[in-house]
Amino acid sequence: MRIAIFGSGGVGGYFGGRLAQAGYDVTFIARGEHLAAMNDSGLRVDSVVGDFVLDKVQATDNPKKVGKVDFIICAVKAWQVAAAAKNMKPMVGPETLVIPLQNGIDAPQDLSEVLGSEAVLGGLCALIAFQAGAGHIIHNGANPSIQFNRLDGQADLRVNQLSETINHCHGVKSTIPADINVAMWLKFLLISPWSGLGAVSQAPIGVLLKVAETRQLLIDSMQEIYQLGLAQGVKLPKDCIEMTMSILDSLPVSSTASMQRDMADGKPSELDQQSGTIVRLGKALDIDTPVNRFILDCLRPQELRARGALQF
C-alpha cells in the first residue's frame, strides 16, 4: 500500500507521521523550508498522546516523481483544494482514492471536478495541531480521529482497508460513517461558528463558551447551519446542536480554530469556505443567516488584506 500526504502541515504532518511511524509507505508532498527540513532531518511531532521523531521520511514537492498511489490524504487548506487537485493528478490511478480532510463541505466537489467523482471520498478529521516550524508539528488538543466513506454510501473494500490501516497507528481512530454527508455537516456545524466567532472576538474557545453573549452566538450560528443542512436533505440529528456544544465544552479552554489562527497571523484563511459557504447557501435556499453574514462581513477586510487586495 502506498499513501501520499498532500499538504504536510499540522493535519497532514500529524496523520502522515503516524502512518509512517507504523511502518507504512508514506510520501509527504511539501514545499519550502518544511520540505528541506524533512529531507534533511526527518519529522518531529510533539503530541499530547505521545511524542515521536522520524529520522528519515519520503518527501518531495513534485507529485510526478511519486507516481500512482493507493490513497491520497488531502490536507491542504480548504481554499487550496482546487489547485491541489490539479497538482495531484499524476498520483491518481484508476484505483486511487482521495480523502479530503478540510474544514467545510466543499472539498469533495472541488476534487471531483478535476479527478472525477469515483476517485473522491467524503472525509473529515478531529485534531488540533499546527506546524510549529520546519519539520516540526505540534498536536496539542483533541483525540486524533479520521472519518471517511463514499459519498453515495456504497460499500468499497478499499475504504475498509484504509480504515484498518489507520487504526493500526498509535493513538489514531478511524471510522466509516454510514452517511459521510451527515458527518461532514456535523463537523461544519462545529467548526464554522467556532472559527468565525473566534476570529472576530480574538478569544479562545473557553472564553467564547464562558461569556453568555458569545455562547449564545455560537448556538445561533449553529442553528442557521442546521436549517441549511435540513434544506439540503442532510439528515442531521435533532439534538446535534446540544451534542456539538458538549463537544466544545470538553475542549481545552485555550483551544483556537485553525482559521482563527491564520487570520490572527495575517494569512489567507478558509473564511469563504466556512462563513462564506453558509451565507452563499442561505441566499440560494432563501434561508436567512444573519449571524454568519455578520461574521463574514466583519472578517472580510482582514481576508482582503491577507490576500493583498487591501492595505490598512
C-alpha atoms as a PDB file:
ATOM      1  CA  MET A   1       0.000   0.000   0.000  1.00  0.00           C
ATOM      2  CA  ARG A   2       1.313   3.428  -0.989  1.00  0.00           C
ATOM      3  CA  ILE A   3      -0.038   6.560   0.664  1.00  0.00           C
ATOM      4  CA  ALA A   4       0.623  10.189  -0.278  1.00  0.00           C
ATOM      5  CA  ILE A   5       0.020  13.104   2.079  1.00  0.00           C
ATOM      6  CA  PHE A   6      -0.772  16.181   0.006  1.00  0.00           C
ATOM      7  CA  GLY A   7      -0.235  19.080   2.388  1.00  0.00           C
ATOM      8  CA  SER A   8       2.107  18.308   5.269  1.00  0.00           C
ATOM      9  CA  GLY A   9       1.253  20.970   7.839  1.00  0.00           C
ATOM     10  CA  GLY A  10      -0.486  20.299  11.159  1.00  0.00           C
ATOM     11  CA  VAL A  11      -3.080  17.806   9.923  1.00  0.00           C
ATOM     12  CA  GLY A  12      -1.123  16.131   7.128  1.00  0.00           C
ATOM     13  CA  GLY A  13       2.109  16.111   9.079  1.00  0.00           C
ATOM     14  CA  TYR A  14       0.459  14.502  12.083  1.00  0.00           C
ATOM     15  CA  PHE A  15      -1.556  11.766  10.368  1.00  0.00           C
ATOM     16  CA  GLY A  16       1.151  11.108   7.790  1.00  0.00           C
ATOM     17  CA  GLY A  17       3.694  10.924  10.579  1.00  0.00           C
ATOM     18  CA  ARG A  18       1.631   8.374  12.476  1.00  0.00           C
ATOM     19  CA  LEU A  19       1.237   6.247   9.335  1.00  0.00           C
ATOM     20  CA  ALA A  20       4.975   6.374   8.655  1.00  0.00           C
ATOM     21  CA  GLN A  21       5.688   5.601  12.326  1.00  0.00           C
ATOM     22  CA  ALA A  22       3.543   2.466  11.943  1.00  0.00           C
ATOM     23  CA  GLY A  23       5.737   1.347   9.042  1.00  0.00           C
ATOM     24  CA  TYR A  24       3.557   2.197   6.050  1.00  0.00           C
ATOM     25  CA  ASP A  25       4.891   3.520   2.734  1.00  0.00           C
ATOM     26  CA  VAL A  26       4.134   7.235   3.046  1.00  0.00           C
ATOM     27  CA  THR A  27       5.288  10.106   0.850  1.00  0.00           C
ATOM     28  CA  PHE A  28       4.779  13.691   2.006  1.00  0.00           C
ATOM     29  CA  ILE A  29       4.089  16.397  -0.569  1.00  0.00           C
ATOM     30  CA  ALA A  30       5.524  19.568   0.949  1.00  0.00           C
ATOM     31  CA  ARG A  31       7.437  22.655  -0.058  1.00  0.00           C
ATOM     32  CA  GLY A  32       9.974  25.260   1.013  1.00  0.00           C
ATOM     33  CA  GLU A  33      11.789  25.088   4.324  1.00  0.00           C
ATOM     34  CA  HIS A  34       9.404  22.447   5.662  1.00  0.00           C
ATOM     35  CA  LEU A  35      10.303  20.116   2.794  1.00  0.00           C
ATOM     36  CA  ALA A  36      14.018  20.852   3.154  1.00  0.00           C
ATOM     37  CA  ALA A  37      13.924  20.114   6.874  1.00  0.00           C
ATOM     38  CA  MET A  38      12.084  16.825   6.383  1.00  0.00           C
ATOM     39  CA  ASN A  39      14.561  15.697   3.734  1.00  0.00           C
ATOM     40  CA  ASP A  40      17.496  16.753   5.894  1.00  0.00           C
ATOM     41  CA  SER A  41      16.486  15.612   9.390  1.00  0.00           C
ATOM     42  CA  GLY A  42      13.074  13.931   9.199  1.00  0.00           C
ATOM     43  CA  LEU A  43       9.894  14.880  11.032  1.00  0.00           C
ATOM     44  CA  ARG A  44       9.386  15.707  14.704  1.00  0.00           C
ATOM     45  CA  VAL A  45       5.895  15.505  16.211  1.00  0.00           C
ATOM     46  CA  ASP A  46       5.139  16.687  19.740  1.00  0.00           C
ATOM     47  CA  SER A  47       1.784  15.211  20.740  1.00  0.00           C
ATOM     48  CA  VAL A  48      -0.429  15.035  23.796  1.00  0.00           C
ATOM     49  CA  VAL A  49      -0.800  11.313  23.057  1.00  0.00           C
ATOM     50  CA  GLY A  50       2.933  10.678  22.689  1.00  0.00           C
ATOM     51  CA  ASP A  51       5.866  12.486  21.056  1.00  0.00           C
ATOM     52  CA  PHE A  52       7.846  10.854  18.278  1.00  0.00           C
ATOM     53  CA  VAL A  53      10.589  11.583  15.772  1.00  0.00           C
ATOM     54  CA  LEU A  54      11.017  10.074  12.313  1.00  0.00           C
ATOM     55  CA  ASP A  55      14.687  10.386  11.452  1.00  0.00           C
ATOM     56  CA  LYS A  56      14.002   9.749   7.770  1.00  0.00           C
ATOM     57  CA  VAL A  57      10.864  10.347   5.687  1.00  0.00           C
ATOM     58  CA  GLN A  58       9.999  10.362   1.988  1.00  0.00           C
ATOM     59  CA  ALA A  59       9.148  13.921   0.950  1.00  0.00           C
ATOM     60  CA  THR A  60       9.017  15.850  -2.316  1.00  0.00           C
ATOM     61  CA  ASP A  61       7.400  18.849  -3.954  1.00  0.00           C
ATOM     62  CA  ASN A  62       6.933  17.013  -7.253  1.00  0.00           C
ATOM     63  CA  PRO A  63       3.970  14.588  -7.415  1.00  0.00           C
ATOM     64  CA  LYS A  64       5.194  13.333 -10.814  1.00  0.00           C
ATOM     65  CA  LYS A  65       8.173  11.738  -9.064  1.00  0.00           C
ATOM     66  CA  VAL A  66       5.843   9.817  -6.743  1.00  0.00           C
ATOM     67  CA  GLY A  67       3.752   8.094  -9.395  1.00  0.00           C
ATOM     68  CA  LYS A  68       0.439   6.338  -8.807  1.00  0.00           C
ATOM     69  CA  VAL A  69      -0.513   5.627  -5.201  1.00  0.00           C
ATOM     70  CA  ASP A  70      -3.336   3.758  -3.498  1.00  0.00           C
ATOM     71  CA  PHE A  71      -4.541   6.596  -1.275  1.00  0.00           C
ATOM     72  CA  ILE A  72      -4.049  10.340  -1.101  1.00  0.00           C
ATOM     73  CA  ILE A  73      -4.869  12.218   2.076  1.00  0.00           C
ATOM     74  CA  CYS A  74      -5.585  15.791   1.003  1.00  0.00           C
ATOM     75  CA  ALA A  75      -4.689  18.035   3.947  1.00  0.00           C
ATOM     76  CA  VAL A  76      -4.189  21.470   2.397  1.00  0.00           C
ATOM     77  CA  LYS A  77      -6.343  24.415   3.439  1.00  0.00           C
ATOM     78  CA  ALA A  78      -9.859  24.400   2.012  1.00  0.00           C
ATOM     79  CA  TRP A  79      -9.156  27.339  -0.301  1.00  0.00           C
ATOM     80  CA  GLN A  80      -6.200  25.446  -1.798  1.00  0.00           C
ATOM     81  CA  VAL A  81      -8.107  22.269  -2.735  1.00  0.00           C
ATOM     82  CA  ALA A  82      -8.891  23.123  -6.373  1.00  0.00           C
ATOM     83  CA  ALA A  83      -5.222  23.826  -7.158  1.00  0.00           C
ATOM     84  CA  ALA A  84      -4.139  20.768  -5.178  1.00  0.00           C
ATOM     85  CA  ALA A  85      -6.467  18.557  -7.238  1.00  0.00           C
ATOM     86  CA  LYS A  86      -4.707  19.573 -10.445  1.00  0.00           C
ATOM     87  CA  ASN A  87      -1.259  19.038  -8.924  1.00  0.00           C
ATOM     88  CA  MET A  88      -2.049  15.590  -7.509  1.00  0.00           C
ATOM     89  CA  LYS A  89      -3.320  14.179 -10.830  1.00  0.00           C
ATOM     90  CA  PRO A  90      -0.031  12.367 -11.607  1.00  0.00           C
ATOM     91  CA  MET A  91      -0.543  10.300  -8.434  1.00  0.00           C
ATOM     92  CA  VAL A  92      -4.133   9.285  -9.249  1.00  0.00           C
ATOM     93  CA  GLY A  93      -4.650   5.975 -10.990  1.00  0.00           C
ATOM     94  CA  PRO A  94      -7.868   4.024 -11.707  1.00  0.00           C
ATOM     95  CA  GLU A  95      -7.861   2.509  -8.185  1.00  0.00           C
ATOM     96  CA  THR A  96      -6.680   5.553  -6.222  1.00  0.00           C
ATOM     97  CA  LEU A  97      -8.922   7.060  -3.560  1.00  0.00           C
ATOM     98  CA  VAL A  98      -8.557  10.667  -2.378  1.00  0.00           C
ATOM     99  CA  ILE A  99      -9.625  11.528   1.165  1.00  0.00           C
ATOM    100  CA  PRO A 100     -10.206  15.242   1.870  1.00  0.00           C
ATOM    101  CA  LEU A 101      -9.785  16.352   5.493  1.00  0.00           C
ATOM    102  CA  GLN A 102     -10.680  20.021   5.073  1.00  0.00           C
ATOM    103  CA  ASN A 103     -12.975  22.084   7.236  1.00  0.00           C
ATOM    104  CA  GLY A 104     -16.192  22.865   5.364  1.00  0.00           C
ATOM    105  CA  ILE A 105     -18.295  20.850   2.931  1.00  0.00           C
ATOM    106  CA  ASP A 106     -16.982  21.891  -0.492  1.00  0.00           C
ATOM    107  CA  ALA A 107     -13.752  19.868  -0.811  1.00  0.00           C
ATOM    108  CA  PRO A 108     -15.241  16.661  -2.303  1.00  0.00           C
ATOM    109  CA  GLN A 109     -16.895  18.631  -5.081  1.00  0.00           C
ATOM    110  CA  ASP A 110     -13.734  20.668  -5.747  1.00  0.00           C
ATOM    111  CA  LEU A 111     -11.700  17.456  -6.038  1.00  0.00           C
ATOM    112  CA  SER A 112     -14.314  15.623  -8.125  1.00  0.00           C
ATOM    113  CA  GLU A 113     -14.408  18.383 -10.731  1.00  0.00           C
ATOM    114  CA  VAL A 114     -10.760  17.651 -11.522  1.00  0.00           C
ATOM    115  CA  LEU A 115     -10.272  13.982 -10.598  1.00  0.00           C
ATOM    116  CA  GLY A 116     -13.743  12.510 -11.189  1.00  0.00           C
ATOM    117  CA  SER A 117     -16.238  11.513  -8.530  1.00  0.00           C
ATOM    118  CA  GLU A 118     -15.197   7.836  -8.453  1.00  0.00           C
ATOM    119  CA  ALA A 119     -11.802   8.782  -7.027  1.00  0.00           C
ATOM    120  CA  VAL A 120     -13.070  11.045  -4.253  1.00  0.00           C
ATOM    121  CA  LEU A 121     -14.453  10.223  -0.817  1.00  0.00           C
ATOM    122  CA  GLY A 122     -16.058  12.453   1.750  1.00  0.00           C
ATOM    123  CA  GLY A 123     -13.923  12.928   4.824  1.00  0.00           C
ATOM    124  CA  LEU A 124     -13.114  14.884   7.950  1.00  0.00           C
ATOM    125  CA  CYS A 125     -10.864  14.719  10.977  1.00  0.00           C
ATOM    126  CA  ALA A 126     -10.709  15.777  14.602  1.00  0.00           C
ATOM    127  CA  LEU A 127      -7.353  17.252  15.533  1.00  0.00           C
ATOM    128  CA  ILE A 128      -5.916  20.445  16.977  1.00  0.00           C
ATOM    129  CA  ALA A 129      -2.420  20.642  15.530  1.00  0.00           C
ATOM    130  CA  PHE A 130      -0.156  23.104  13.749  1.00  0.00           C
ATOM    131  CA  GLN A 131       3.220  23.387  12.077  1.00  0.00           C
ATOM    132  CA  ALA A 132       5.471  24.928  14.718  1.00  0.00           C
ATOM    133  CA  GLY A 133       8.470  25.166  12.416  1.00  0.00           C
ATOM    134  CA  ALA A 134      10.207  23.460   9.537  1.00  0.00           C
ATOM    135  CA  GLY A 135       9.941  19.719  10.081  1.00  0.00           C
ATOM    136  CA  HIS A 136       8.099  20.183  13.378  1.00  0.00           C
ATOM    137  CA  ILE A 137       4.417  19.500  14.147  1.00  0.00           C
ATOM    138  CA  ILE A 138       2.663  20.126  17.464  1.00  0.00           C
ATOM    139  CA  HIS A 139      -0.556  18.297  18.378  1.00  0.00           C
ATOM    140  CA  ASN A 140      -1.990  20.000  21.443  1.00  0.00           C
ATOM    141  CA  GLY A 141      -5.642  19.022  21.604  1.00  0.00           C
ATOM    142  CA  ALA A 142      -8.451  16.635  20.623  1.00  0.00           C
ATOM    143  CA  ASN A 143      -8.233  12.867  20.324  1.00  0.00           C
ATOM    144  CA  PRO A 144      -6.964  12.302  16.754  1.00  0.00           C
ATOM    145  CA  SER A 145      -9.586  10.694  14.538  1.00  0.00           C
ATOM    146  CA  ILE A 146     -10.500  10.419  10.865  1.00  0.00           C
ATOM    147  CA  GLN A 147     -13.859   9.617   9.295  1.00  0.00           C
ATOM    148  CA  PHE A 148     -14.404   8.885   5.607  1.00  0.00           C
ATOM    149  CA  ASN A 149     -16.622   6.975   3.206  1.00  0.00           C
ATOM    150  CA  ARG A 150     -18.017   7.086  -0.287  1.00  0.00           C
ATOM    151  CA  LEU A 151     -20.442   9.965  -0.686  1.00  0.00           C
ATOM    152  CA  ASP A 152     -23.087   7.588  -2.041  1.00  0.00           C
ATOM    153  CA  GLY A 153     -22.608   5.215   0.891  1.00  0.00           C
ATOM    154  CA  GLN A 154     -21.817   2.235  -1.341  1.00  0.00           C
ATOM    155  CA  ALA A 155     -19.549  -0.454   0.089  1.00  0.00           C
ATOM    156  CA  ASP A 156     -15.915  -0.276  -1.030  1.00  0.00           C
ATOM    157  CA  LEU A 157     -13.269  -2.685   0.238  1.00  0.00           C
ATOM    158  CA  ARG A 158     -10.604  -0.044  -0.296  1.00  0.00           C
ATOM    159  CA  VAL A 159     -12.338   2.184   2.249  1.00  0.00           C
ATOM    160  CA  ASN A 160     -12.285  -0.613   4.811  1.00  0.00           C
ATOM    161  CA  GLN A 161      -8.634  -1.328   4.017  1.00  0.00           C
ATOM    162  CA  LEU A 162      -7.581   2.256   4.668  1.00  0.00           C
ATOM    163  CA  SER A 163      -9.629   2.461   7.856  1.00  0.00           C
ATOM    164  CA  GLU A 164      -7.973  -0.687   9.201  1.00  0.00           C
ATOM    165  CA  THR A 165      -4.572   0.711   8.263  1.00  0.00           C
ATOM    166  CA  ILE A 166      -5.165   3.969  10.131  1.00  0.00           C
ATOM    167  CA  ASN A 167      -6.454   2.099  13.167  1.00  0.00           C
ATOM    168  CA  HIS A 168      -3.053   0.393  13.406  1.00  0.00           C
ATOM    169  CA  CYS A 169      -1.476   3.794  14.060  1.00  0.00           C
ATOM    170  CA  HIS A 170      -0.711   4.843  17.627  1.00  0.00           C
ATOM    171  CA  GLY A 171      -3.464   6.961  19.191  1.00  0.00           C
ATOM    172  CA  VAL A 172      -5.489   7.430  15.977  1.00  0.00           C
ATOM    173  CA  LYS A 173      -9.064   6.245  15.492  1.00  0.00           C
ATOM    174  CA  SER A 174     -10.665   5.752  12.077  1.00  0.00           C
ATOM    175  CA  THR A 175     -14.370   5.162  11.492  1.00  0.00           C
ATOM    176  CA  ILE A 176     -16.582   4.712   8.425  1.00  0.00           C
ATOM    177  CA  PRO A 177     -19.887   6.565   8.920  1.00  0.00           C
ATOM    178  CA  ALA A 178     -22.917   5.099   7.181  1.00  0.00           C
ATOM    179  CA  ASP A 179     -23.649   8.625   5.893  1.00  0.00           C
ATOM    180  CA  ILE A 180     -20.484  10.667   5.479  1.00  0.00           C
ATOM    181  CA  ASN A 181     -22.560  13.679   4.387  1.00  0.00           C
ATOM    182  CA  VAL A 182     -24.130  13.865   7.851  1.00  0.00           C
ATOM    183  CA  ALA A 183     -20.709  13.521   9.474  1.00  0.00           C
ATOM    184  CA  MET A 184     -19.265  16.326   7.332  1.00  0.00           C
ATOM    185  CA  TRP A 185     -22.170  18.639   8.134  1.00  0.00           C
ATOM    186  CA  LEU A 186     -21.820  17.910  11.860  1.00  0.00           C
ATOM    187  CA  LYS A 187     -18.158  18.936  11.647  1.00  0.00           C
ATOM    188  CA  PHE A 188     -19.186  22.007   9.618  1.00  0.00           C
ATOM    189  CA  LEU A 189     -21.719  22.912  12.305  1.00  0.00           C
ATOM    190  CA  LEU A 190     -18.977  22.727  14.937  1.00  0.00           C
ATOM    191  CA  ILE A 191     -16.020  24.346  13.231  1.00  0.00           C
ATOM    192  CA  SER A 192     -17.560  27.281  11.345  1.00  0.00           C
ATOM    193  CA  PRO A 193     -19.178  29.071  14.314  1.00  0.00           C
ATOM    194  CA  TRP A 194     -16.076  28.464  16.430  1.00  0.00           C
ATOM    195  CA  SER A 195     -13.734  29.687  13.666  1.00  0.00           C
ATOM    196  CA  GLY A 196     -15.760  32.772  12.822  1.00  0.00           C
ATOM    197  CA  LEU A 197     -16.556  33.952  16.334  1.00  0.00           C
ATOM    198  CA  GLY A 198     -13.056  33.101  17.481  1.00  0.00           C
ATOM    199  CA  ALA A 199     -11.597  35.263  14.723  1.00  0.00           C
ATOM    200  CA  VAL A 200     -13.986  38.156  15.400  1.00  0.00           C
ATOM    201  CA  SER A 201     -13.515  38.116  19.178  1.00  0.00           C
ATOM    202  CA  GLN A 202      -9.851  37.013  19.154  1.00  0.00           C
ATOM    203  CA  ALA A 203     -10.732  34.766  22.097  1.00  0.00           C
ATOM    204  CA  PRO A 204     -10.135  31.044  22.717  1.00  0.00           C
ATOM    205  CA  ILE A 205     -12.999  28.581  22.957  1.00  0.00           C
ATOM    206  CA  GLY A 206     -13.092  28.669  26.758  1.00  0.00           C
ATOM    207  CA  VAL A 207     -13.869  32.377  26.713  1.00  0.00           C
ATOM    208  CA  LEU A 208     -16.440  32.057  23.918  1.00  0.00           C
ATOM    209  CA  LEU A 209     -18.264  29.442  25.985  1.00  0.00           C
ATOM    210  CA  LYS A 210     -17.984  31.276  29.318  1.00  0.00           C
ATOM    211  CA  VAL A 211     -19.310  34.651  28.153  1.00  0.00           C
ATOM    212  CA  ALA A 212     -23.100  34.391  27.871  1.00  0.00           C
ATOM    213  CA  GLU A 213     -23.361  36.553  24.761  1.00  0.00           C
ATOM    214  CA  THR A 214     -20.770  34.701  22.696  1.00  0.00           C
ATOM    215  CA  ARG A 215     -22.071  31.323  23.875  1.00  0.00           C
ATOM    216  CA  GLN A 216     -25.495  32.283  22.554  1.00  0.00           C
ATOM    217  CA  LEU A 217     -23.970  33.478  19.275  1.00  0.00           C
ATOM    218  CA  LEU A 218     -22.341  30.058  18.854  1.00  0.00           C
ATOM    219  CA  ILE A 219     -25.740  28.415  19.291  1.00  0.00           C
ATOM    220  CA  ASP A 220     -27.467  30.882  16.947  1.00  0.00           C
ATOM    221  CA  SER A 221     -24.825  30.329  14.266  1.00  0.00           C
ATOM    222  CA  MET A 222     -25.225  26.554  14.589  1.00  0.00           C
ATOM    223  CA  GLN A 223     -28.985  26.890  14.262  1.00  0.00           C
ATOM    224  CA  GLU A 224     -28.554  28.634  10.909  1.00  0.00           C
ATOM    225  CA  ILE A 225     -26.271  25.835   9.664  1.00  0.00           C
ATOM    226  CA  TYR A 226     -28.715  23.212  10.959  1.00  0.00           C
ATOM    227  CA  GLN A 227     -31.552  24.731   8.932  1.00  0.00           C
ATOM    228  CA  LEU A 228     -29.379  24.828   5.810  1.00  0.00           C
ATOM    229  CA  GLY A 229     -28.427  21.194   6.220  1.00  0.00           C
ATOM    230  CA  LEU A 230     -32.047  20.094   6.565  1.00  0.00           C
ATOM    231  CA  ALA A 231     -32.964  22.124   3.472  1.00  0.00           C
ATOM    232  CA  GLN A 232     -30.178  20.313   1.584  1.00  0.00           C
ATOM    233  CA  GLY A 233     -31.665  16.963   2.569  1.00  0.00           C
ATOM    234  CA  VAL A 234     -28.970  16.142   5.124  1.00  0.00           C
ATOM    235  CA  LYS A 235     -30.420  14.016   7.938  1.00  0.00           C
ATOM    236  CA  LEU A 236     -28.941  15.925  10.846  1.00  0.00           C
ATOM    237  CA  PRO A 237     -29.946  14.688  14.339  1.00  0.00           C
ATOM    238  CA  LYS A 238     -32.455  16.880  16.149  1.00  0.00           C
ATOM    239  CA  ASP A 239     -30.103  17.203  19.119  1.00  0.00           C
ATOM    240  CA  CYS A 240     -26.973  17.943  17.080  1.00  0.00           C
ATOM    241  CA  ILE A 241     -26.552  21.482  18.453  1.00  0.00           C
ATOM    242  CA  GLU A 242     -26.653  20.240  22.051  1.00  0.00           C
ATOM    243  CA  MET A 243     -24.177  17.484  21.141  1.00  0.00           C
ATOM    244  CA  THR A 244     -21.871  19.973  19.436  1.00  0.00           C
ATOM    245  CA  MET A 245     -21.896  22.345  22.395  1.00  0.00           C
ATOM    246  CA  SER A 246     -20.987  19.416  24.639  1.00  0.00           C
ATOM    247  CA  ILE A 247     -18.003  18.655  22.411  1.00  0.00           C
ATOM    248  CA  LEU A 248     -16.848  22.273  22.538  1.00  0.00           C
ATOM    249  CA  ASP A 249     -17.303  22.299  26.320  1.00  0.00           C
ATOM    250  CA  SER A 250     -14.938  19.317  26.541  1.00  0.00           C
ATOM    251  CA  LEU A 251     -12.059  21.004  24.685  1.00  0.00           C
ATOM    252  CA  PRO A 252      -9.083  22.606  26.438  1.00  0.00           C
ATOM    253  CA  VAL A 253     -10.172  26.158  27.262  1.00  0.00           C
ATOM    254  CA  SER A 254      -7.185  27.664  25.424  1.00  0.00           C
ATOM    255  CA  SER A 255      -8.055  25.955  22.110  1.00  0.00           C
ATOM    256  CA  THR A 256      -8.373  28.039  18.953  1.00  0.00           C
ATOM    257  CA  ALA A 257      -9.557  27.056  15.479  1.00  0.00           C
ATOM    258  CA  SER A 258      -7.112  26.956  12.568  1.00  0.00           C
ATOM    259  CA  MET A 259      -8.959  29.682  10.639  1.00  0.00           C
ATOM    260  CA  GLN A 260      -8.800  31.895  13.706  1.00  0.00           C
ATOM    261  CA  ARG A 261      -5.044  31.336  13.996  1.00  0.00           C
ATOM    262  CA  ASP A 262      -4.484  32.021  10.294  1.00  0.00           C
ATOM    263  CA  MET A 263      -6.369  35.316  10.473  1.00  0.00           C
ATOM    264  CA  ALA A 264      -4.508  36.348  13.628  1.00  0.00           C
ATOM    265  CA  ASP A 265      -1.234  35.680  11.788  1.00  0.00           C
ATOM    266  CA  GLY A 266      -2.327  37.736   8.774  1.00  0.00           C
ATOM    267  CA  LYS A 267      -2.517  34.691   6.491  1.00  0.00           C
ATOM    268  CA  PRO A 268      -5.185  33.867   3.883  1.00  0.00           C
ATOM    269  CA  SER A 269      -7.881  31.805   5.575  1.00  0.00           C
ATOM    270  CA  GLU A 270     -10.843  29.487   4.994  1.00  0.00           C
ATOM    271  CA  LEU A 271     -13.320  32.323   5.567  1.00  0.00           C
ATOM    272  CA  ASP A 272     -15.046  31.837   2.219  1.00  0.00           C
ATOM    273  CA  GLN A 273     -15.219  28.048   2.657  1.00  0.00           C
ATOM    274  CA  GLN A 274     -16.744  28.369   6.124  1.00  0.00           C
ATOM    275  CA  SER A 275     -18.775  31.534   6.810  1.00  0.00           C
ATOM    276  CA  GLY A 276     -18.909  32.323   3.094  1.00  0.00           C
ATOM    277  CA  THR A 277     -20.402  28.939   2.219  1.00  0.00           C
ATOM    278  CA  ILE A 278     -23.103  29.395   4.875  1.00  0.00           C
ATOM    279  CA  VAL A 279     -24.111  32.779   3.517  1.00  0.00           C
ATOM    280  CA  ARG A 280     -23.984  31.568  -0.087  1.00  0.00           C
ATOM    281  CA  LEU A 281     -26.195  28.572   0.647  1.00  0.00           C
ATOM    282  CA  GLY A 282     -28.555  30.756   2.649  1.00  0.00           C
ATOM    283  CA  LYS A 283     -29.093  33.025  -0.344  1.00  0.00           C
ATOM    284  CA  ALA A 284     -29.576  30.070  -2.691  1.00  0.00           C
ATOM    285  CA  LEU A 285     -32.076  28.391  -0.371  1.00  0.00           C
ATOM    286  CA  ASP A 286     -33.801  31.620   0.729  1.00  0.00           C
ATOM    287  CA  ILE A 287     -32.865  30.999   4.361  1.00  0.00           C
ATOM    288  CA  ASP A 288     -31.681  33.995   6.352  1.00  0.00           C
ATOM    289  CA  THR A 289     -28.268  33.632   8.029  1.00  0.00           C
ATOM    290  CA  PRO A 290     -27.801  36.928   9.916  1.00  0.00           C
ATOM    291  CA  VAL A 291     -25.224  35.731  12.455  1.00  0.00           C
ATOM    292  CA  ASN A 292     -22.961  34.116   9.888  1.00  0.00           C
ATOM    293  CA  ARG A 293     -23.437  37.004   7.478  1.00  0.00           C
ATOM    294  CA  PHE A 294     -22.321  39.405  10.223  1.00  0.00           C
ATOM    295  CA  ILE A 295     -19.245  37.246  10.905  1.00  0.00           C
ATOM    296  CA  LEU A 296     -18.394  37.103   7.196  1.00  0.00           C
ATOM    297  CA  ASP A 297     -18.787  40.842   6.698  1.00  0.00           C
ATOM    298  CA  CYS A 298     -16.751  41.692   9.801  1.00  0.00           C
ATOM    299  CA  LEU A 299     -13.858  39.471   8.760  1.00  0.00           C
ATOM    300  CA  ARG A 300     -13.836  40.418   5.074  1.00  0.00           C
ATOM    301  CA  PRO A 301     -11.391  43.360   5.458  1.00  0.00           C
ATOM    302  CA  GLN A 302      -8.841  41.124   7.205  1.00  0.00           C
ATOM    303  CA  GLU A 303      -9.158  38.489   4.498  1.00  0.00           C
ATOM    304  CA  LEU A 304      -8.724  41.053   1.735  1.00  0.00           C
ATOM    305  CA  ARG A 305      -5.619  42.418   3.461  1.00  0.00           C
ATOM    306  CA  ALA A 306      -4.162  38.924   3.837  1.00  0.00           C
ATOM    307  CA  ARG A 307      -4.649  38.318   0.124  1.00  0.00           C
ATOM    308  CA  GLY A 308      -3.041  41.619  -0.877  1.00  0.00           C
ATOM    309  CA  ALA A 309      -6.255  43.225  -2.116  1.00  0.00           C
ATOM    310  CA  LEU A 310      -6.485  45.838   0.650  1.00  0.00           C
ATOM    311  CA  GLN A 311      -3.987  47.782   2.730  1.00  0.00           C
ATOM    312  CA  PHE A 312      -4.540  49.170   6.205  1.00  0.00           C
END
